């Protein structure tokens, strides 16, 4: 049964986290957007010829990104699961456009922004972790929405449209925003300044990781 929150009326949809993924209507393609750091890191490794299984090493990069990817792969019917970020936004959009041409029919897309999992505060009624808004994932998802629109895939939900407009309005400040974000500052404190700068590079890669039998490989 459809819900006002499943965005089923729209071709391009946007939600946050694995719980958001569960709220959306079944989609043909799921794009996991975890800019700092899962999507960007895996995209770089796959571009270099590597393969990244969803194992303990992947969890070390991002528990959040791997959890969303696993949840997407477990959906029935199974969607195509891709990783998207600022670095490969246009390449992801082109891959989706290719898939739509292959199908010869409108292809539905769920963009799942990771956000950031944070532990519940001491004394909270529940110990369950909470999901914090992450500006880097809003911009990463928005960049893909924008690139899809360039290719004529522009029937977007209000949520996806808002992300697209946020990216277009803030595009020139992307590098600064990633560095100044909570996630960016956290990585910088660990000495990973270069990783944050690399994650902010728009369309620096043509690599599109796709999940096949629990392993991200080049599409």
Protein backbone atom coordinates (compact mmCIF):
# COMPACT_ATOMS: atom_id res chain seq x y z
CA UNK A 1 0.00 0.00 0.00
CA UNK A 2 1.37 3.40 -0.96
CA UNK A 3 2.17 6.03 1.67
CA UNK A 4 2.45 9.83 1.45
CA UNK A 5 6.09 9.34 2.41
CA UNK A 6 7.14 6.68 -0.10
CA UNK A 7 7.66 9.22 -2.94
CA UNK A 8 6.19 6.66 -5.36
CA UNK A 9 4.73 9.40 -7.55
CA UNK A 10 8.21 10.54 -8.51
CA UNK A 11 11.00 9.03 -10.57
CA UNK A 12 13.88 10.50 -8.53
CA UNK A 13 13.52 10.04 -4.77
CA UNK A 14 15.62 11.01 -1.77
CA UNK A 15 15.71 9.67 1.78
CA UNK A 16 18.16 9.32 4.65
CA UNK A 17 19.69 6.10 5.97
CA UNK A 18 18.53 2.51 5.90
CA UNK A 19 15.34 3.46 7.76
CA UNK A 20 14.61 6.03 5.04
CA UNK A 21 15.30 3.43 2.38
CA UNK A 22 12.62 1.24 3.96
CA UNK A 23 10.10 4.10 3.72
CA UNK A 24 10.52 4.55 -0.02
CA UNK A 25 8.62 2.70 -2.69
CA UNK A 26 10.55 -0.05 -4.46
CA UNK A 27 13.04 1.54 -6.86
CA UNK A 28 14.90 0.12 -9.85
CA UNK A 29 18.19 1.75 -8.82
CA UNK A 30 19.44 2.64 -5.34
CA UNK A 31 22.35 5.07 -5.04
CA UNK A 32 24.05 5.11 -1.64
CA UNK A 33 25.55 8.55 -0.94
CA UNK A 34 28.00 8.59 1.96
CA UNK A 35 30.47 11.26 0.88
CA UNK A 36 32.69 11.22 3.98
CA UNK A 37 33.81 8.62 3.61
CA UNK A 38 32.37 5.38 2.23
CA UNK A 39 31.22 6.42 -1.26
CA UNK A 40 34.28 8.55 -2.00
CA UNK A 41 36.76 5.97 -0.68
CA UNK A 42 35.22 3.01 -2.50
CA UNK A 43 34.89 5.01 -5.73
CA UNK A 44 38.62 5.77 -5.60
CA UNK A 45 39.55 2.14 -4.89
CA UNK A 46 37.33 0.80 -7.67
CA UNK A 47 38.72 3.39 -10.10
CA UNK A 48 42.19 2.01 -9.34
CA UNK A 49 41.04 -1.47 -10.32
CA UNK A 50 40.12 -2.75 -6.87
CA UNK A 51 37.07 -4.56 -5.54
CA UNK A 52 35.59 -3.75 -2.14
CA UNK A 53 33.59 -6.45 -0.32
CA UNK A 54 31.11 -5.51 2.40
CA UNK A 55 33.27 -7.03 5.11
CA UNK A 56 35.02 -5.89 8.27
CA UNK A 57 37.40 -3.68 6.28
CA UNK A 58 34.45 -1.87 4.70
CA UNK A 59 32.88 -1.43 8.12
CA UNK A 60 36.12 0.20 9.26
CA UNK A 61 35.67 2.84 6.55
CA UNK A 62 32.01 3.44 7.38
CA UNK A 63 29.58 1.34 9.37
CA UNK A 64 26.80 3.56 8.02
CA UNK A 65 27.59 3.17 4.32
CA UNK A 66 27.95 -0.58 4.55
CA UNK A 67 24.69 -0.95 6.50
CA UNK A 68 22.72 1.00 3.90
CA UNK A 69 24.33 -0.96 1.07
CA UNK A 70 23.44 -4.26 2.74
CA UNK A 71 19.86 -3.12 3.32
CA UNK A 72 19.53 -2.08 -0.33
CA UNK A 73 20.89 -5.40 -1.58
CA UNK A 74 18.38 -7.28 0.60
CA UNK A 75 15.33 -5.59 -0.96
CA UNK A 76 12.88 -7.69 -2.95
CA UNK A 77 12.86 -7.22 -5.86
CA UNK A 78 16.58 -6.49 -5.77
CA UNK A 79 17.56 -3.11 -7.21
CA UNK A 80 20.81 -2.14 -8.88
CA UNK A 81 22.92 -0.73 -6.01
CA UNK A 82 25.42 1.99 -6.90
CA UNK A 83 27.68 4.27 -4.87
CA UNK A 84 27.48 7.98 -5.58
CA UNK A 85 29.38 11.02 -4.34
CA UNK A 86 30.58 14.39 -5.56
CA UNK A 87 33.56 12.78 -7.29
CA UNK A 88 31.42 10.65 -9.63
CA UNK A 89 28.06 12.45 -9.72
CA UNK A 90 27.92 12.82 -13.52
CA UNK A 91 29.18 9.29 -14.08
CA UNK A 92 26.43 7.90 -11.83
CA UNK A 93 23.79 9.93 -13.65
CA UNK A 94 25.09 8.70 -17.02
CA UNK A 95 25.04 5.09 -15.80
CA UNK A 96 21.41 5.51 -14.73
CA UNK A 97 20.52 7.10 -18.07
CA UNK A 98 22.17 4.14 -19.82
CA UNK A 99 20.13 1.73 -17.69
CA UNK A 100 16.94 3.57 -18.58
CA UNK A 101 17.79 3.36 -22.27
CA UNK A 102 18.52 -0.34 -21.87
CA UNK A 103 15.17 -0.95 -20.19
CA UNK A 104 13.29 1.20 -22.66
CA UNK A 105 11.11 2.41 -19.79
CA UNK A 106 11.20 4.98 -17.02
CA UNK A 107 13.65 3.88 -14.34
CA UNK A 108 12.99 4.83 -10.72
CA UNK A 109 15.91 6.00 -8.61
CA UNK A 110 16.27 6.12 -4.82
CA UNK A 111 19.09 8.34 -3.59
CA UNK A 112 19.92 7.35 -0.02
CA UNK A 113 21.95 9.97 1.82
CA UNK A 114 23.87 8.39 4.67
CA UNK A 115 23.92 11.15 7.24
CA UNK A 116 25.98 10.36 10.30
CA UNK A 117 25.20 7.91 13.05
CA UNK A 118 25.89 9.33 16.50
CA UNK A 119 25.52 7.57 19.88
CA UNK A 120 22.49 8.47 21.95
CA UNK A 121 23.25 10.99 24.70
CA UNK A 122 23.87 9.73 28.21
CA UNK A 123 20.62 9.42 30.12
CA UNK A 124 18.51 9.16 26.98
CA UNK A 125 15.43 6.96 27.14
CA UNK A 126 16.92 4.65 24.53
CA UNK A 127 20.50 3.61 23.73
CA UNK A 128 19.77 3.48 20.01
CA UNK A 129 22.03 5.62 17.85
CA UNK A 130 20.57 8.70 16.16
CA UNK A 131 21.11 9.89 12.60
CA UNK A 132 22.54 13.37 12.17
CA UNK A 133 22.05 15.49 9.07
CA UNK A 134 25.27 15.65 7.03
CA UNK A 135 25.74 18.57 4.66
CA UNK A 136 28.25 16.60 2.57
CA UNK A 137 25.64 13.96 1.77
CA UNK A 138 23.00 16.57 0.93
CA UNK A 139 25.43 18.13 -1.55
CA UNK A 140 26.50 14.74 -2.94
CA UNK A 141 22.91 13.68 -3.51
CA UNK A 142 22.08 17.10 -4.92
CA UNK A 143 24.95 16.87 -7.41
CA UNK A 144 23.52 13.59 -8.71
CA UNK A 145 20.01 15.08 -8.90
CA UNK A 146 21.46 17.97 -10.91
CA UNK A 147 23.35 15.63 -13.25
CA UNK A 148 20.24 13.50 -13.78
CA UNK A 149 18.30 16.63 -14.70
CA UNK A 150 20.88 17.52 -17.34
CA UNK A 151 20.11 14.12 -18.88
CA UNK A 152 16.38 14.69 -18.85
CA UNK A 153 15.66 12.61 -15.76
CA UNK A 154 14.02 15.37 -13.77
CA UNK A 155 10.75 14.08 -12.34
CA UNK A 156 11.99 14.64 -8.79
CA UNK A 157 10.28 14.40 -5.43
CA UNK A 158 10.26 17.60 -3.35
CA UNK A 159 13.00 16.09 -1.19
CA UNK A 160 15.23 15.37 -4.18
CA UNK A 161 14.44 18.74 -5.77
CA UNK A 162 15.47 20.55 -2.59
CA UNK A 163 18.80 18.70 -2.56
CA UNK A 164 19.38 19.60 -6.20
CA UNK A 165 18.71 23.28 -5.56
CA UNK A 166 20.96 23.22 -2.49
CA UNK A 167 23.80 21.88 -4.61
CA UNK A 168 23.24 24.36 -7.42
CA UNK A 169 23.13 27.29 -5.00
CA UNK A 170 26.16 26.19 -2.99
CA UNK A 171 28.25 24.55 -5.70
CA UNK A 172 31.01 27.16 -5.59
CA UNK A 173 31.35 26.69 -1.83
CA UNK A 174 31.41 22.88 -1.85
CA UNK A 175 35.06 22.52 -0.87
CA UNK A 176 34.74 24.97 2.01
CA UNK A 177 31.50 23.40 3.24
CA UNK A 178 32.95 19.89 3.33
CA UNK A 179 36.06 21.08 5.18
CA UNK A 180 33.99 23.11 7.66
CA UNK A 181 31.38 20.41 8.27
CA UNK A 182 31.40 18.30 11.41
CA UNK A 183 32.49 15.23 9.46
CA UNK A 184 35.19 17.20 7.65
CA UNK A 185 36.57 18.61 10.88
CA UNK A 186 36.55 15.18 12.49
CA UNK A 187 38.59 13.72 9.62
CA UNK A 188 40.94 16.71 9.65
CA UNK A 189 41.63 16.09 13.34
CA UNK A 190 42.73 12.59 12.34
CA UNK A 191 45.13 14.03 9.78
CA UNK A 192 42.92 13.23 6.76
CA UNK A 193 42.79 16.74 5.24
CA UNK A 194 43.69 15.39 1.80
CA UNK A 195 40.83 12.90 1.92
CA UNK A 196 38.31 15.68 2.60
CA UNK A 197 39.71 17.81 -0.23
CA UNK A 198 39.55 14.86 -2.62
CA UNK A 199 35.95 14.11 -1.64
CA UNK A 200 34.98 17.68 -2.59
CA UNK A 201 36.28 17.37 -6.17
CA UNK A 202 33.24 17.37 -8.45
CA UNK A 203 33.28 14.83 -11.30
CA UNK A 204 36.92 13.91 -10.71
CA UNK A 205 36.14 10.26 -11.45
CA UNK A 206 34.25 8.33 -14.11
CA UNK A 207 34.17 5.22 -11.92
CA UNK A 208 30.78 3.92 -10.74
CA UNK A 209 30.89 1.18 -8.09
CA UNK A 210 28.07 -1.38 -8.38
CA UNK A 211 27.29 -4.01 -5.76
CA UNK A 212 27.48 -7.57 -7.09
CA UNK A 213 27.21 -10.56 -4.74
CA UNK A 214 28.31 -8.48 -1.76
CA UNK A 215 31.27 -6.83 -3.49
CA UNK A 216 31.55 -3.35 -5.01
CA UNK A 217 33.20 -3.53 -8.43
CA UNK A 218 33.38 -1.24 -11.45
CA UNK A 219 30.13 -1.01 -13.38
